[in-house]
C-alpha cells in the first residue's frame, strides 16, 4: 500500500490529500479508512500542496472608452520598429508569484523590452517600454 500511495501522490503533482488518497486506494481494492491513509502519508512524509486561489488582475470599468483599432488586425508591419505589442503575465517562481511585462517588435517577432516585479504597477510597464526604447 505504501508504494502505491507514493505513486498516486506523485502522479497527482503532490495535490492529493488524505481524503482523496483514501478514495483512490479504495477504488483500487485496498481496504482502509481516511485515518489510515493519513497515517501512511505522514510516515512517507507526503504533504499535499494547497493550490493558490485564482486572483482577478484586471478590473475594467465599462464607462471607460475603448481605444481606436489602429492596426486593423494587420500584425505584419513592413519594417522594423513600426509596431510594438505588449503583454503582462504572471509566473510562479520559487520566491512566489511575479509579474512579467514584455514589449515585442511585431516585424522581427523579438522581445525588445521586458521587466519583472512582485506587483503589477505602471512602473513595471514603464521599465519594459524604456528598455525597448534603449534597445532600438
Protein backbone atom coordinates (compact mmCIF):
# COMPACT_ATOMS: atom_id res chain seq x y z
CA UNK A 1 0.00 0.00 0.00
CA UNK A 2 2.85 2.42 0.79
CA UNK A 3 4.38 2.04 -2.65
CA UNK A 4 1.02 2.69 -4.33
CA UNK A 5 0.34 5.70 -2.04
CA UNK A 6 3.64 7.23 -3.07
CA UNK A 7 2.95 6.60 -6.77
CA UNK A 8 -0.54 8.12 -6.62
CA UNK A 9 0.79 11.16 -4.75
CA UNK A 10 3.50 11.71 -7.35
CA UNK A 11 1.03 11.28 -10.24
CA UNK A 12 -1.24 13.93 -8.71
CA UNK A 13 1.61 16.50 -8.71
CA UNK A 14 1.59 16.38 -4.90
CA UNK A 15 -2.02 17.56 -4.67
CA UNK A 16 -3.79 14.53 -3.13
CA UNK A 17 -4.85 14.90 0.48
CA UNK A 18 -5.75 12.04 2.79
CA UNK A 19 -9.46 12.01 1.82
CA UNK A 20 -8.82 11.72 -1.92
CA UNK A 21 -5.91 9.34 -1.35
CA UNK A 22 -8.19 7.01 0.65
CA UNK A 23 -10.84 7.15 -2.11
CA UNK A 24 -8.29 6.33 -4.81
CA UNK A 25 -6.78 3.46 -2.83
CA UNK A 26 -10.26 2.06 -2.06
CA UNK A 27 -11.14 2.19 -5.78
CA UNK A 28 -8.04 0.08 -6.42
CA UNK A 29 -9.17 -2.59 -3.94
CA UNK A 30 -7.37 -1.54 -0.74
CA UNK A 31 -9.43 -1.67 2.46
CA UNK A 32 -8.59 1.35 4.60
CA UNK A 33 -10.02 4.40 6.34
CA UNK A 34 -9.12 8.02 5.81
CA UNK A 35 -7.13 7.98 9.04
CA UNK A 36 -5.09 5.00 7.85
CA UNK A 37 -4.35 6.88 4.61
CA UNK A 38 -3.38 9.93 6.68
CA UNK A 39 -1.04 7.81 8.82
CA UNK A 40 0.56 6.27 5.72
CA UNK A 41 1.07 9.70 4.14
CA UNK A 42 2.56 11.04 7.38
CA UNK A 43 5.00 8.14 7.64
CA UNK A 44 6.05 8.69 4.00
CA UNK A 45 6.36 12.45 4.68
CA UNK A 46 3.82 13.27 1.94
CA UNK A 47 2.03 16.57 2.41
CA UNK A 48 -0.38 17.94 -0.17
CA UNK A 49 0.42 21.32 -1.70
CA UNK A 50 -2.51 23.67 -1.48
CA UNK A 51 -3.39 25.43 -4.71
CA UNK A 52 -3.38 29.20 -4.69
CA UNK A 53 -6.75 30.79 -5.25
CA UNK A 54 -7.34 32.39 -8.64
CA UNK A 55 -6.76 36.11 -8.46
CA UNK A 56 -8.53 38.56 -10.76
CA UNK A 57 -5.92 41.01 -12.00
CA UNK A 58 -7.99 43.08 -14.42
CA UNK A 59 -10.96 45.17 -13.38
CA UNK A 60 -12.47 47.03 -16.29
CA UNK A 61 -14.76 49.99 -15.94
CA UNK A 62 -17.39 49.72 -18.67
CA UNK A 63 -17.73 53.51 -18.66
CA UNK A 64 -14.17 53.93 -19.95
CA UNK A 65 -13.78 54.48 -23.68
CA UNK A 66 -12.16 51.86 -25.88
CA UNK A 67 -9.01 52.82 -27.83
CA UNK A 68 -9.19 53.01 -31.61
CA UNK A 69 -8.10 49.94 -33.58
CA UNK A 70 -5.13 51.44 -35.43
CA UNK A 71 -3.70 48.12 -36.64
CA UNK A 72 -6.98 46.78 -38.04
CA UNK A 73 -5.72 43.18 -37.49
CA UNK A 74 -2.61 43.82 -39.62
CA UNK A 75 0.07 42.28 -37.41
CA UNK A 76 2.72 42.09 -40.17
CA UNK A 77 4.37 45.52 -40.46
CA UNK A 78 6.70 46.24 -43.39
CA UNK A 79 9.66 47.45 -41.31
CA UNK A 80 11.42 47.29 -38.01
CA UNK A 81 10.09 49.35 -35.06
CA UNK A 82 6.86 50.36 -36.80
CA UNK A 83 4.59 48.36 -34.50
CA UNK A 84 5.25 47.18 -30.96
CA UNK A 85 2.95 44.93 -28.96
CA UNK A 86 2.98 44.27 -25.24
CA UNK A 87 1.51 41.93 -22.69
CA UNK A 88 1.62 41.16 -18.98
CA UNK A 89 1.52 37.71 -17.41
CA UNK A 90 2.27 36.24 -14.03
CA UNK A 91 4.63 33.39 -13.25
CA UNK A 92 5.07 31.16 -10.22
CA UNK A 93 8.67 31.09 -9.02
CA UNK A 94 10.46 29.65 -6.02
CA UNK A 95 10.07 33.02 -4.32
CA UNK A 96 6.34 33.40 -5.09
CA UNK A 97 4.31 34.98 -7.90
CA UNK A 98 5.91 37.64 -10.11
CA UNK A 99 4.52 39.71 -12.96
CA UNK A 100 6.31 39.84 -16.31
CA UNK A 101 5.71 42.67 -18.76
CA UNK A 102 7.09 42.35 -22.30
CA UNK A 103 7.34 44.51 -25.41
CA UNK A 104 7.68 42.78 -28.79
CA UNK A 105 8.59 44.23 -32.17
CA UNK A 106 5.98 42.71 -34.49
CA UNK A 107 8.28 42.90 -37.54
CA UNK A 108 11.13 40.82 -36.10
CA UNK A 109 8.93 39.00 -33.53
CA UNK A 110 11.63 39.59 -30.94
CA UNK A 111 11.22 40.66 -27.34
CA UNK A 112 12.89 44.06 -27.19
CA UNK A 113 11.89 45.04 -23.67
CA UNK A 114 10.85 43.29 -20.50
CA UNK A 115 10.52 43.85 -16.77
CA UNK A 116 9.56 41.75 -13.73
CA UNK A 117 8.11 42.77 -10.39
CA UNK A 118 6.19 41.33 -7.46
CA UNK A 119 3.45 43.91 -8.05
CA UNK A 120 1.63 44.91 -11.24
CA UNK A 121 2.13 48.66 -11.39
CA UNK A 122 2.58 51.31 -14.05
CA UNK A 123 6.31 51.40 -13.27
CA UNK A 124 6.51 47.75 -14.40
CA UNK A 125 5.14 48.76 -17.81
CA UNK A 126 7.34 51.87 -17.96
CA UNK A 127 10.51 49.86 -17.32
CA UNK A 128 9.64 47.39 -20.11
CA UNK A 129 8.96 50.23 -22.56
CA UNK A 130 12.12 52.12 -21.52
CA UNK A 131 14.22 49.00 -22.10
CA UNK A 132 12.61 48.57 -25.55
CA UNK A 133 13.33 52.20 -26.35
CA UNK A 134 17.01 51.80 -25.32
CA UNK A 135 17.29 48.63 -27.45
CA UNK A 136 16.23 50.40 -30.64
